[in-house]
């Protein structure tokens, strides 16, 4: 089953951002409306004064907080650039884009170098800052070079949207300029009215009305406006007469860090109006809106999150039960759609992995069957060929013995030497064939160990008599040492033990040209040891990994000094393991080797 194409979420992100802004603006307007309504007094003029002051202060705080947030964001952007640098080919565009997504206020960032060349220009508006008349004429650069932030006058973009420009300098002499959407900064002002005539307007010192409710009276053009400009921090309260002849009570407050100030005012005649009924109606409307919004959010959450989560839960259970072909339907392009898509990707990966494992398992089983059959055929071949070769070799050995023992014939010296060589080589071939037979029996699983009592001392003496002659012919010493604590009688297969010992002793004598060979029988906790030590050529470290493999020797070249089939150590190890033991090797090149056979210590039970 194919996996659906992964959805894109740019529209979802934009819609989510718009919804977030809409909800924030709505809730902020609702809070300000309730606060303004609660401040209305139905009787006393002093209460109206307090109400006007409160509305003015609340709005100033709201607008100032928006400005302050913008200043903090620009400071943060400056600190990031001080750390990351201003290279537009690095991570800076991603950081700028992240800040633009996280802030409601900024719509554009421009990074300039010390020569005021634009390094990076990102955002929705993409304004040409160099085209703004105040960008060169106002003291932007001289101000920010002192480390301050600078607010330019309100200007309009190409589409007519009013904006503010906020600039801050960098340590390397460059600048960061941020474009703020002015309507977001002053969003409480146009919608703020109280009573029937109460309103708030935002002005600047150049005599421009920046924001005000539609149809609200303005203080522009009056003597009170000139008075405000001459007051410290533009703070003033009193009455003035509008151009239409209406007397207004007003309070002005400065927006710190800017050349803007607010004027909150209400008609004097309304200070005695009863607004209790308006308060109750406003609260009821707010309650209805809150209920409607809560229902909307619940339904939206259920459709977009809860239902897809239930589907994901059911899909997980089906995957857990082994139904790897199951896929969750991707019905939306939001975040839950992305989760469903990733779920299907995971299910497809699990299905592919299971199919690959199943194919690999089938291949391994087929290869195992072939290997078992090949091993069986090899063992049968070795057993058959070994048996067929033993018959003529036994005949050769028999007739050679008759001729050498002068039974019925007297050989001259020269022919006798030839017969002796025939006898020696036939014995060697018989030994090789015996090794092949032992190996084939072990690999075919037909090795039968006979557990019976035996004397380890007698075995050692038997091995001494067999190999002392060979040692003497090479001028080597051959020592046999038996631990006095070794029990006189042990239980085991003495024939298998003998094959292990003679293979180790034969190798020791073969690979030793001077010095000697020693055989030691020891007893340890729960086991007894056969230790064969020589002073021969030794075994290099890299050869110890394969020295016990079949048909492997340290020197496998055609010009090697020492002959042999390479089966002795392999048979010794396999027989030792079959008897429940192990073989350890310690060796040093040109100094000799020590082979130690560890076998279970089993003794004859003594009658009570």
Protein backbone atom coordinates (compact mmCIF):
# COMPACT_ATOMS: atom_id res chain seq x y z
CA UNK A 1 0.00 0.00 0.00
CA UNK A 2 1.51 3.33 -1.06
CA UNK A 3 1.90 6.15 1.42
CA UNK A 4 -0.03 9.38 0.64
CA UNK A 5 1.91 12.42 -0.39
CA UNK A 6 3.04 14.47 2.55
CA UNK A 7 0.82 17.58 3.03
CA UNK A 8 2.18 21.09 3.23
CA UNK A 9 1.36 23.31 6.16
CA UNK A 10 2.19 26.87 5.12
CA UNK A 11 -1.53 27.70 4.85
CA UNK A 12 -2.16 26.10 8.22
CA UNK A 13 0.59 28.14 9.83
CA UNK A 14 -0.76 31.36 8.33
CA UNK A 15 -4.31 30.54 9.34
CA UNK A 16 -3.17 29.62 12.84
CA UNK A 17 -1.21 32.87 13.13
CA UNK A 18 -4.22 34.86 11.91
CA UNK A 19 -6.50 33.07 14.35
CA UNK A 20 -4.06 33.75 17.18
CA UNK A 21 -3.90 37.47 16.32
CA UNK A 22 -7.69 37.63 15.94
CA UNK A 23 -8.27 36.00 19.31
CA UNK A 24 -5.65 38.19 20.99
CA UNK A 25 -7.10 41.37 19.52
CA UNK A 26 -10.64 40.28 20.41
CA UNK A 27 -9.79 39.39 23.97
CA UNK A 28 -7.76 42.56 24.42
CA UNK A 29 -10.62 44.68 23.06
CA UNK A 30 -13.09 42.81 25.26
CA UNK A 31 -10.95 43.40 28.36
CA UNK A 32 -10.54 47.08 27.58
CA UNK A 33 -14.27 47.43 26.88
CA UNK A 34 -15.20 45.86 30.23
CA UNK A 35 -12.60 47.98 32.04
CA UNK A 36 -13.86 51.17 30.38
CA UNK A 37 -17.51 50.34 31.15
CA UNK A 38 -16.78 49.54 34.81
CA UNK A 39 -15.10 52.92 35.20
CA UNK A 40 -18.21 54.86 34.21
CA UNK A 41 -19.81 56.63 37.11
CA UNK A 42 -23.50 57.59 36.95
CA UNK A 43 -23.40 60.51 39.31
CA UNK A 44 -20.24 62.32 40.30
CA UNK A 45 -17.94 64.34 38.11
CA UNK A 46 -14.90 63.18 40.10
CA UNK A 47 -15.71 59.61 39.19
CA UNK A 48 -15.69 60.58 35.51
CA UNK A 49 -12.31 62.25 35.99
CA UNK A 50 -11.00 59.06 37.54
CA UNK A 51 -12.52 57.08 34.70
CA UNK A 52 -10.89 59.28 32.06
CA UNK A 53 -7.54 58.96 33.84
CA UNK A 54 -7.88 55.22 34.10
CA UNK A 55 -8.80 54.80 30.44
CA UNK A 56 -5.88 57.01 29.44
CA UNK A 57 -3.44 55.13 31.64
CA UNK A 58 -4.69 51.70 30.56
CA UNK A 59 -4.48 52.55 26.89
CA UNK A 60 -1.06 54.15 27.25
CA UNK A 61 0.19 51.06 29.04
CA UNK A 62 -1.24 48.81 26.33
CA UNK A 63 0.30 50.86 23.53
CA UNK A 64 3.58 51.33 25.44
CA UNK A 65 3.78 47.60 26.13
CA UNK A 66 3.46 46.97 22.39
CA UNK A 67 6.25 49.48 21.77
CA UNK A 68 8.35 48.00 24.57
CA UNK A 69 7.86 44.48 23.20
CA UNK A 70 9.02 45.70 19.83
CA UNK A 71 12.09 47.31 21.43
CA UNK A 72 12.86 44.10 23.32
CA UNK A 73 12.52 42.04 20.16
CA UNK A 74 14.90 44.35 18.31
CA UNK A 75 17.36 44.15 21.24
CA UNK A 76 17.15 40.36 21.13
CA UNK A 77 17.73 40.39 17.38
CA UNK A 78 20.76 42.64 17.91
CA UNK A 79 22.21 40.26 20.54
CA UNK A 80 21.67 37.27 18.24
CA UNK A 81 23.47 39.02 15.41
CA UNK A 82 26.33 40.01 17.73
CA UNK A 83 26.78 36.28 18.46
CA UNK A 84 26.01 34.70 15.08
CA UNK A 85 27.36 37.50 12.85
CA UNK A 86 25.56 39.17 9.94
CA UNK A 87 26.59 36.79 7.14
CA UNK A 88 23.39 36.30 5.08
CA UNK A 89 24.66 32.91 3.83
CA UNK A 90 24.79 31.39 7.33
CA UNK A 91 22.07 30.74 9.86
CA UNK A 92 21.01 34.41 10.11
CA UNK A 93 18.08 34.15 7.61
CA UNK A 94 16.63 31.22 9.58
CA UNK A 95 16.97 33.16 12.85
CA UNK A 96 15.34 36.27 11.34
CA UNK A 97 12.52 34.17 9.90
CA UNK A 98 11.98 32.53 13.30
CA UNK A 99 11.72 35.93 15.03
CA UNK A 100 9.28 37.17 12.38
CA UNK A 101 7.07 34.13 12.97
CA UNK A 102 7.13 34.52 16.75
CA UNK A 103 6.34 38.26 16.92
CA UNK A 104 3.00 39.89 16.09
CA UNK A 105 4.42 43.34 15.56
CA UNK A 106 7.37 43.20 13.17
CA UNK A 107 6.71 42.59 9.49
CA UNK A 108 10.23 43.16 8.19
CA UNK A 109 13.87 43.16 9.30
CA UNK A 110 16.71 44.84 7.40
CA UNK A 111 20.39 44.31 8.32
CA UNK A 112 22.87 46.91 7.07
CA UNK A 113 26.64 47.13 7.32
CA UNK A 114 28.65 50.16 8.50
CA UNK A 115 28.43 51.71 5.00
CA UNK A 116 24.63 51.33 5.16
CA UNK A 117 24.62 48.66 2.45
CA UNK A 118 21.72 46.20 2.85
CA UNK A 119 22.98 42.71 3.81
CA UNK A 120 19.63 41.07 4.41
CA UNK A 121 16.01 42.18 3.83
CA UNK A 122 13.35 39.72 5.04
CA UNK A 123 9.65 39.98 5.82
CA UNK A 124 6.22 40.48 4.30
CA UNK A 125 6.44 44.17 3.43
CA UNK A 126 9.98 44.17 1.97
CA UNK A 127 10.10 47.96 2.04
CA UNK A 128 12.90 49.85 0.32
CA UNK A 129 14.23 51.74 3.33
CA UNK A 130 16.57 53.83 1.20
CA UNK A 131 13.52 55.26 -0.57
CA UNK A 132 12.11 56.70 2.67
CA UNK A 133 12.84 60.43 2.88
CA UNK A 134 13.33 60.45 6.65
CA UNK A 135 15.79 57.57 6.50
CA UNK A 136 18.60 59.89 5.41
CA UNK A 137 17.37 63.25 6.65
CA UNK A 138 16.43 62.40 10.25
CA UNK A 139 19.23 61.72 12.77
CA UNK A 140 18.79 57.93 12.59
CA UNK A 141 22.43 57.01 12.35
CA UNK A 142 23.85 59.63 14.73
CA UNK A 143 21.34 58.54 17.36
CA UNK A 144 21.75 54.79 17.07
CA UNK A 145 25.52 55.09 16.90
CA UNK A 146 25.34 56.05 20.54
CA UNK A 147 23.68 52.70 21.26
CA UNK A 148 20.09 54.06 21.49
CA UNK A 149 17.09 52.84 19.60
CA UNK A 150 15.47 55.27 17.20
CA UNK A 151 11.79 55.56 16.21
CA UNK A 152 11.13 57.26 12.85
CA UNK A 153 7.88 59.01 11.98
CA UNK A 154 4.90 57.02 10.78
CA UNK A 155 5.10 56.30 7.05
CA UNK A 156 2.96 54.33 4.63
CA UNK A 157 4.07 51.34 2.58
CA UNK A 158 3.26 50.92 -1.11
CA UNK A 159 -0.08 49.33 -0.27
CA UNK A 160 -1.00 52.24 2.03
CA UNK A 161 -0.49 50.46 5.36
CA UNK A 162 1.03 52.75 8.05
CA UNK A 163 4.27 51.55 9.59
CA UNK A 164 6.91 52.55 12.10
CA UNK A 165 10.67 52.21 11.71
CA UNK A 166 12.79 51.11 14.70
CA UNK A 167 16.62 51.12 14.31
CA UNK A 168 19.44 49.88 16.58
CA UNK A 169 23.21 49.80 15.97
CA UNK A 170 25.59 46.80 16.01
CA UNK A 171 29.05 46.68 17.55
CA UNK A 172 30.68 46.31 14.12
CA UNK A 173 29.13 49.59 12.96
CA UNK A 174 26.16 48.05 11.17
CA UNK A 175 22.46 48.52 11.88
CA UNK A 176 19.35 46.47 12.38
CA UNK A 177 16.13 48.13 11.20
CA UNK A 178 12.72 46.66 12.01
CA UNK A 179 9.46 47.66 10.37
CA UNK A 180 6.48 47.55 12.75
CA UNK A 181 2.88 47.43 11.63
CA UNK A 182 1.52 50.62 13.17
CA UNK A 183 -2.05 49.33 13.41
CA UNK A 184 -0.90 46.47 15.64
CA UNK A 185 0.91 48.89 17.95
CA UNK A 186 -2.09 51.22 18.33
CA UNK A 187 -4.85 48.62 17.96
CA UNK A 188 -6.64 49.60 21.24
CA UNK A 189 -7.02 53.26 20.13
CA UNK A 190 -9.46 53.20 17.15
CA UNK A 191 -11.88 50.87 18.92
CA UNK A 192 -11.82 52.63 22.29
CA UNK A 193 -14.98 54.57 23.11
CA UNK A 194 -16.88 54.92 26.37
CA UNK A 195 -20.25 56.35 27.05
CA UNK A 196 -21.69 58.17 24.06
CA UNK A 197 -18.92 60.76 23.61
CA UNK A 198 -15.89 59.31 25.41
CA UNK A 199 -12.94 58.50 23.10
CA UNK A 200 -9.14 58.43 22.87
CA UNK A 201 -6.92 59.79 20.12
CA UNK A 202 -3.22 59.30 19.36
CA UNK A 203 -1.21 62.29 18.07
CA UNK A 204 2.39 63.28 17.53
CA UNK A 205 4.25 66.53 18.11
CA UNK A 206 4.16 67.34 14.39
CA UNK A 207 0.41 67.89 14.68
CA UNK A 208 -0.70 64.64 13.05
CA UNK A 209 -3.69 62.61 14.20
CA UNK A 210 -2.40 59.03 14.11
CA UNK A 211 -5.36 57.05 15.45
CA UNK A 212 -8.82 57.79 16.81
CA UNK A 213 -12.34 56.35 16.74
CA UNK A 214 -14.30 57.32 13.67
CA UNK A 215 -16.21 60.57 14.17
CA UNK A 216 -14.62 61.35 17.53
CA UNK A 217 -13.79 65.02 18.31
CA UNK A 218 -10.13 66.05 18.11
CA UNK A 219 -8.02 68.44 20.12
CA UNK A 220 -6.01 69.40 17.01
CA UNK A 221 -6.22 73.09 16.11
CA UNK A 222 -7.16 74.17 19.62
CA UNK A 223 -5.23 76.17 22.19
CA UNK A 224 -5.17 73.07 24.38
CA UNK A 225 -3.03 71.25 21.78
CA UNK A 226 -0.43 74.04 21.87
CA UNK A 227 -0.51 73.93 25.65
CA UNK A 228 0.16 70.17 25.65
CA UNK A 229 3.25 70.59 23.44
CA UNK A 230 4.73 73.02 25.97
CA UNK A 231 4.13 70.74 28.98
CA UNK A 232 6.84 68.42 30.40
CA UNK A 233 6.25 64.88 29.06
CA UNK A 234 3.13 66.30 27.30
CA UNK A 235 1.16 65.73 30.53
CA UNK A 236 -1.96 67.92 30.79
CA UNK A 237 -5.54 67.74 32.10
CA UNK A 238 -8.41 70.20 31.77
CA UNK A 239 -11.24 71.32 29.50
CA UNK A 240 -11.31 72.69 25.98
CA UNK A 241 -13.91 73.64 23.39
CA UNK A 242 -14.00 71.82 20.07
CA UNK A 243 -14.49 73.51 16.74
CA UNK A 244 -18.16 72.50 16.99
CA UNK A 245 -18.53 74.27 20.31
CA UNK A 246 -18.67 71.17 22.55
CA UNK A 247 -16.85 71.39 25.88
CA UNK A 248 -14.66 68.32 26.51
CA UNK A 249 -12.86 67.12 29.62
CA UNK A 250 -9.46 65.70 28.59
CA UNK A 251 -6.22 64.16 29.88
CA UNK A 252 -3.01 63.82 27.82
CA UNK A 253 -0.16 61.33 28.42
CA UNK A 254 3.18 60.78 26.72
CA UNK A 255 4.20 57.47 25.08
CA UNK A 256 7.74 57.13 26.54
CA UNK A 257 10.53 56.85 24.01
CA UNK A 258 8.46 58.35 21.15
CA UNK A 259 7.15 61.73 19.97
CA UNK A 260 3.57 60.50 20.39
CA UNK A 261 1.00 61.13 23.10
CA UNK A 262 -2.63 60.20 23.78
CA UNK A 263 -5.59 62.43 24.61
CA UNK A 264 -8.50 60.82 26.46
CA UNK A 265 -11.67 62.95 26.50
CA UNK A 266 -15.41 62.93 27.12
CA UNK A 267 -18.14 65.55 26.72
CA UNK A 268 -18.72 67.43 29.96
CA UNK A 269 -22.49 66.99 29.77
CA UNK A 270 -22.15 63.19 29.86
CA UNK A 271 -20.43 63.12 33.24
CA UNK A 272 -23.81 62.85 34.92
CA UNK A 273 -25.28 60.08 32.71
CA UNK A 274 -26.36 56.81 34.36
CA UNK A 275 -24.64 53.84 32.64
CA UNK A 276 -25.63 50.95 34.90
CA UNK A 277 -27.87 49.51 32.22
CA UNK A 278 -25.03 49.74 29.69
CA UNK A 279 -22.80 47.89 32.12
CA UNK A 280 -25.27 45.01 32.50
CA UNK A 281 -25.83 44.76 28.75
CA UNK A 282 -22.08 44.76 28.11
CA UNK A 283 -21.51 42.00 30.63
CA UNK A 284 -24.29 39.88 29.10
CA UNK A 285 -22.88 40.35 25.62
CA UNK A 286 -19.39 39.44 26.83
CA UNK A 287 -20.79 36.32 28.50
CA UNK A 288 -22.59 35.23 25.32
CA UNK A 289 -19.47 35.84 23.26
CA UNK A 290 -17.38 33.83 25.74
CA UNK A 291 -19.84 30.92 25.59
CA UNK A 292 -19.96 31.00 21.78
CA UNK A 293 -16.19 31.16 21.57
CA UNK A 294 -15.81 28.25 24.05
CA UNK A 295 -18.24 26.09 22.04
CA UNK A 296 -16.43 26.95 18.84
CA UNK A 297 -13.05 26.07 20.32
CA UNK A 298 -14.39 22.78 21.73
CA UNK A 299 -15.91 21.69 18.39
CA UNK A 300 -12.80 22.78 16.50
CA UNK A 301 -10.53 20.91 18.94
CA UNK A 302 -12.68 17.78 18.73
CA UNK A 303 -12.60 17.80 14.94
CA UNK A 304 -8.95 18.67 14.49
CA UNK A 305 -7.31 16.86 17.41
CA UNK A 306 -9.49 14.41 19.34
CA UNK A 307 -10.92 12.48 16.39
CA UNK A 308 -7.55 12.12 14.59
CA UNK A 309 -5.99 11.02 17.87
CA UNK A 310 -8.59 8.26 18.25
CA UNK A 311 -7.80 7.09 14.73
CA UNK A 312 -4.08 7.11 15.54
CA UNK A 313 -4.71 5.11 18.70
CA UNK A 314 -6.69 2.48 16.76
CA UNK A 315 -3.95 2.35 14.11
CA UNK A 316 -1.28 1.84 16.76
CA UNK A 317 -3.19 -1.11 18.22
CA UNK A 318 -3.52 -2.70 14.78
CA UNK A 319 0.20 -2.27 14.14
CA UNK A 320 0.94 -3.72 17.56
CA UNK A 321 -1.20 -6.73 16.63
CA UNK A 322 0.98 -7.33 13.55
CA UNK A 323 -1.20 -5.71 10.86
CA UNK A 324 1.64 -3.80 9.23
CA UNK A 325 -0.34 -3.09 6.04
CA UNK A 326 -2.74 -0.80 7.93
CA UNK A 327 -2.55 2.91 7.12
CA UNK A 328 -4.22 5.91 8.76
CA UNK A 329 -6.20 8.10 6.36
CA UNK A 330 -4.67 11.58 5.99
CA UNK A 331 -7.72 13.84 5.91
CA UNK A 332 -6.23 17.24 6.71
CA UNK A 333 -3.16 19.35 6.02
CA UNK A 334 -2.64 20.58 9.55
CA UNK A 335 -0.31 19.30 12.26
CA UNK A 336 -2.48 16.22 12.90
CA UNK A 337 -2.26 15.47 9.19
CA UNK A 338 1.52 15.57 9.51
CA UNK A 339 1.34 13.16 12.46
CA UNK A 340 -0.85 10.78 10.40
CA UNK A 341 1.58 11.00 7.49
CA UNK A 342 4.53 10.21 9.76
CA UNK A 343 2.56 7.29 11.24
CA UNK A 344 2.08 5.84 7.76
CA UNK A 345 5.76 6.36 7.00
CA UNK A 346 6.66 4.41 10.15
CA UNK A 347 4.20 1.61 9.26
CA UNK A 348 5.67 1.35 5.74
CA UNK A 349 9.20 1.20 7.16
CA UNK A 350 8.16 -1.57 9.57
CA UNK A 351 6.50 -3.51 6.76
CA UNK A 352 9.58 -3.19 4.52
CA UNK A 353 11.83 -4.24 7.40
CA UNK A 354 9.67 -7.30 8.14
CA UNK A 355 9.71 -8.34 4.48
CA UNK A 356 13.50 -7.94 4.32
CA UNK A 357 13.92 -9.99 7.49
CA UNK A 358 11.63 -12.70 6.13
CA UNK A 359 13.61 -12.84 2.87
CA UNK A 360 16.91 -12.95 4.76
CA UNK A 361 15.57 -15.73 7.00
CA UNK A 362 14.52 -17.82 3.98
CA UNK A 363 17.90 -17.32 2.35
CA UNK A 364 19.68 -18.30 5.58
CA UNK A 365 17.57 -21.44 5.93
CA UNK A 366 18.27 -22.44 2.33
CA UNK A 367 21.99 -21.83 2.81
CA UNK A 368 21.91 -23.83 6.05
CA UNK A 369 20.27 -26.79 4.32
CA UNK A 370 22.88 -26.69 1.55
CA UNK A 371 25.71 -26.49 4.11
CA UNK A 372 24.32 -29.42 6.12
CA UNK A 373 23.98 -31.53 2.99
CA UNK A 374 27.49 -30.62 1.81
CA UNK A 375 28.90 -31.44 5.23
CA UNK A 376 27.10 -34.80 5.23
CA UNK A 377 28.39 -35.64 1.75
CA UNK A 378 31.93 -34.64 2.73
CA UNK A 379 31.85 -36.82 5.84
CA UNK A 380 30.49 -39.80 3.90
CA UNK A 381 33.15 -39.32 1.25
CA UNK A 382 35.94 -39.16 3.82
CA UNK A 383 34.67 -42.23 5.63
CA UNK A 384 34.31 -44.22 2.41
CA UNK A 385 37.68 -43.21 0.98
CA UNK A 386 39.46 -43.78 4.28
CA UNK A 387 38.02 -47.27 4.56
CA UNK A 388 38.93 -48.11 0.96
CA UNK A 389 42.50 -46.86 1.43
CA UNK A 390 43.08 -48.71 4.69
CA UNK A 391 42.65 -52.17 3.06
CA UNK A 392 45.57 -52.01 0.58
CA UNK A 393 47.73 -50.12 3.07
CA UNK A 394 47.20 -52.80 5.71
CA UNK A 395 48.25 -55.39 3.14
CA UNK A 396 51.39 -53.39 2.31
CA UNK A 397 52.19 -53.02 6.01
CA UNK A 398 51.61 -56.73 6.64
CA UNK A 399 53.83 -57.96 3.84
CA UNK A 400 56.50 -55.39 4.73
CA UNK A 401 56.56 -56.70 8.31
CA UNK A 402 56.90 -60.27 7.08
CA UNK A 403 59.83 -59.36 4.87
CA UNK A 404 61.55 -57.31 7.58
CA UNK A 405 61.17 -60.10 10.19
CA UNK A 406 62.96 -62.55 7.84
CA UNK A 407 59.91 -64.76 7.75
CA UNK A 408 60.56 -67.01 4.72
CA UNK A 409 62.97 -64.63 3.05
CA UNK A 410 66.40 -63.15 3.73
CA UNK A 411 66.80 -59.63 2.29
CA UNK A 412 70.14 -58.11 1.37
CA UNK A 413 70.92 -54.74 3.04
CA UNK A 414 69.92 -52.53 0.10
CA UNK A 415 66.50 -54.14 -0.58
CA UNK A 416 65.88 -54.32 3.16
CA UNK A 417 66.32 -50.55 3.45
CA UNK A 418 63.81 -50.04 0.65
CA UNK A 419 61.30 -52.31 2.39
CA UNK A 420 61.83 -50.38 5.65
CA UNK A 421 61.02 -47.13 3.82
CA UNK A 422 57.90 -48.75 2.36
CA UNK A 423 56.84 -49.85 5.84
CA UNK A 424 57.47 -46.42 7.38
CA UNK A 425 55.52 -44.58 4.70
CA UNK A 426 52.64 -47.04 4.83
CA UNK A 427 52.43 -46.51 8.60
CA UNK A 428 52.39 -42.77 7.97
CA UNK A 429 49.56 -43.13 5.46
CA UNK A 430 47.63 -45.33 7.88
CA UNK A 431 48.01 -42.62 10.52
CA UNK A 432 46.72 -39.96 8.11
CA UNK A 433 43.76 -42.12 7.16
CA UNK A 434 43.00 -42.74 10.83
CA UNK A 435 42.92 -38.97 11.32
CA UNK A 436 40.53 -38.59 8.39
CA UNK A 437 38.30 -41.30 9.83
CA UNK A 438 38.30 -39.68 13.27
CA UNK A 439 37.46 -36.28 11.79
CA UNK A 440 34.64 -37.65 9.64
CA UNK A 441 33.14 -39.52 12.60
CA UNK A 442 33.24 -36.41 14.79
CA UNK A 443 31.70 -34.14 12.15
CA UNK A 444 29.05 -36.70 11.23
CA UNK A 445 28.08 -37.04 14.90
CA UNK A 446 28.96 -40.72 14.99
CA UNK A 447 31.69 -40.43 17.58
CA UNK A 448 30.88 -42.75 20.47
CA UNK A 449 32.80 -42.16 23.70
CA UNK A 450 33.18 -45.14 25.96
CA UNK A 451 33.29 -44.16 29.62
CA UNK A 452 35.35 -46.67 31.60
CA UNK A 453 37.88 -46.65 34.43
CA UNK A 454 41.52 -46.21 33.44
CA UNK A 455 44.86 -45.47 35.06
CA UNK A 456 46.31 -42.07 34.05
CA UNK A 457 49.75 -43.26 35.20
CA UNK A 458 49.64 -46.24 32.84
CA UNK A 459 48.53 -44.02 29.99
CA UNK A 460 51.44 -41.66 30.64
CA UNK A 461 53.91 -44.57 30.67
CA UNK A 462 52.42 -45.83 27.42
CA UNK A 463 52.88 -42.41 25.83
CA UNK A 464 56.46 -42.27 27.18
CA UNK A 465 57.35 -45.58 25.54
CA UNK A 466 55.83 -44.47 22.21
CA UNK A 467 57.56 -41.11 21.95
CA UNK A 468 60.80 -41.43 23.90
CA UNK A 469 62.41 -43.23 20.93
CA UNK A 470 61.42 -40.39 18.56
CA UNK A 471 62.78 -37.85 21.01
CA UNK A 472 66.08 -39.70 21.33
CA UNK A 473 66.48 -39.89 17.53
CA UNK A 474 66.28 -36.06 17.42
CA UNK A 475 68.55 -35.65 20.45
CA UNK A 476 65.74 -34.24 22.61
CA UNK A 477 64.93 -34.82 26.24
CA UNK A 478 61.51 -36.22 27.10
CA UNK A 479 60.31 -35.78 30.68
CA UNK A 480 57.11 -37.17 32.20
CA UNK A 481 55.80 -35.78 35.47
CA UNK A 482 52.67 -36.98 37.31
CA UNK A 483 51.03 -34.98 40.10
CA UNK A 484 51.02 -37.20 43.25
CA UNK A 485 47.55 -35.80 44.07
CA UNK A 486 46.14 -37.18 40.83
CA UNK A 487 43.72 -40.07 41.60
CA UNK A 488 45.07 -43.50 40.56
CA UNK A 489 41.92 -44.28 38.61
CA UNK A 490 39.78 -41.97 36.50
CA UNK A 491 36.68 -42.53 34.40
CA UNK A 492 36.68 -41.58 30.71
CA UNK A 493 37.44 -42.74 27.19
CA UNK A 494 41.12 -43.61 27.36
CA UNK A 495 41.31 -44.12 23.59
CA UNK A 496 40.04 -40.58 22.87
CA UNK A 497 42.34 -39.20 25.56
CA UNK A 498 45.28 -41.06 24.00
CA UNK A 499 44.53 -39.58 20.56
CA UNK A 500 44.54 -36.10 22.05
CA UNK A 501 47.86 -36.70 23.86
CA UNK A 502 49.71 -38.36 20.97
CA UNK A 503 48.68 -35.56 18.59
CA UNK A 504 50.06 -32.96 21.00
CA UNK A 505 53.22 -34.98 21.73
CA UNK A 506 53.79 -35.74 18.02
CA UNK A 507 53.54 -32.05 17.15
CA UNK A 508 55.82 -31.07 20.03
CA UNK A 509 58.58 -33.44 18.93
CA UNK A 510 58.12 -32.60 15.23
CA UNK A 511 58.48 -28.84 15.75
CA UNK A 512 61.35 -29.03 18.28
CA UNK A 513 64.94 -29.27 17.01
CA UNK A 514 66.82 -28.74 20.27
CA UNK A 515 65.99 -28.75 23.93
CA UNK A 516 63.21 -31.09 24.95
CA UNK A 517 59.59 -31.99 25.42
CA UNK A 518 57.80 -32.54 28.71
CA UNK A 519 54.52 -34.21 29.62
CA UNK A 520 52.79 -33.32 32.88
CA UNK A 521 49.57 -34.70 34.35
CA UNK A 522 48.09 -32.38 37.00
CA UNK A 523 44.97 -32.13 39.12
CA UNK A 524 42.96 -28.94 39.71
CA UNK A 525 39.62 -28.03 41.25
CA UNK A 526 37.09 -30.30 39.53
CA UNK A 527 39.34 -31.17 36.58
CA UNK A 528 42.62 -32.79 35.59
CA UNK A 529 45.17 -31.43 33.11
CA UNK A 530 47.42 -32.84 30.39
CA UNK A 531 50.21 -30.32 29.78
CA UNK A 532 52.60 -30.72 26.84
CA UNK A 533 55.56 -28.30 26.77
CA UNK A 534 58.23 -27.96 24.09
CA UNK A 535 61.15 -25.68 23.28
CA UNK A 536 60.39 -25.59 19.56
CA UNK A 537 59.71 -22.91 16.98
CA UNK A 538 56.61 -21.55 18.69
CA UNK A 539 53.45 -20.17 17.13
CA UNK A 540 53.09 -16.51 16.07
CA UNK A 541 50.11 -14.58 17.49
CA UNK A 542 48.26 -14.25 14.17
CA UNK A 543 48.33 -18.04 13.65
CA UNK A 544 46.65 -18.83 16.98
CA UNK A 545 43.26 -17.86 15.52
CA UNK A 546 43.29 -20.73 13.00
CA UNK A 547 45.83 -23.23 14.37
CA UNK A 548 43.00 -25.53 15.51
CA UNK A 549 41.18 -25.41 12.13
CA UNK A 550 41.20 -28.43 9.81
CA UNK A 551 44.03 -28.58 7.28
CA UNK A 552 45.65 -25.44 8.66
CA UNK A 553 49.30 -25.06 9.60
CA UNK A 554 51.45 -22.08 10.55
CA UNK A 555 53.47 -22.57 7.34
CA UNK A 556 51.16 -23.70 4.53
CA UNK A 557 53.58 -22.96 1.66
CA UNK A 558 54.81 -25.64 -0.75
CA UNK A 559 58.36 -25.15 0.58
CA UNK A 560 57.49 -25.65 4.26
CA UNK A 561 60.01 -27.48 6.42
CA UNK A 562 57.52 -29.50 8.45
CA UNK A 563 55.08 -31.88 6.80
CA UNK A 564 51.69 -33.07 7.96
CA UNK A 565 48.03 -32.77 7.03
CA UNK A 566 47.09 -30.11 9.57
CA UNK A 567 44.49 -32.34 11.24
CA UNK A 568 46.22 -33.23 14.51
CA UNK A 569 45.28 -30.13 16.52
CA UNK A 570 41.79 -29.97 14.99
CA UNK A 571 41.08 -33.59 16.05
CA UNK A 572 42.58 -32.97 19.50
CA UNK A 573 40.33 -29.95 20.06
CA UNK A 574 37.16 -31.66 18.78
CA UNK A 575 37.78 -34.76 20.91
CA UNK A 576 38.50 -32.59 23.97
CA UNK A 577 35.26 -30.66 23.51
CA UNK A 578 33.34 -33.90 23.01
CA UNK A 579 34.64 -35.04 26.41
CA UNK A 580 33.53 -31.75 28.03
CA UNK A 581 36.99 -30.15 28.17
CA UNK A 582 39.03 -27.36 26.60
CA UNK A 583 42.52 -26.77 25.19
CA UNK A 584 44.57 -23.67 26.03
CA UNK A 585 47.63 -22.49 24.15
CA UNK A 586 50.55 -20.36 25.31
CA UNK A 587 53.39 -19.81 22.88
CA UNK A 588 56.32 -17.55 22.05
CA UNK A 589 58.13 -17.61 18.73
CA UNK A 590 61.54 -19.42 18.89
CA UNK A 591 61.01 -20.24 22.57
CA UNK A 592 58.35 -22.93 22.49
CA UNK A 593 54.72 -23.68 23.21
CA UNK A 594 52.55 -25.04 26.02
CA UNK A 595 49.32 -26.91 25.21
CA UNK A 596 47.11 -27.58 28.24
CA UNK A 597 44.13 -29.92 28.04
CA UNK A 598 41.47 -29.42 30.75
CA UNK A 599 39.22 -32.47 31.32
CA UNK A 600 36.48 -33.09 33.90
CA UNK A 601 37.76 -34.98 36.96
CA UNK A 602 35.58 -38.11 37.22
CA UNK A 603 36.70 -40.88 39.58
CA UNK A 604 35.49 -44.35 40.41
CA UNK A 605 32.96 -44.36 43.21
CA UNK A 606 34.34 -46.07 46.33
CA UNK A 607 31.87 -48.56 47.95
CA UNK A 608 30.69 -47.49 51.37
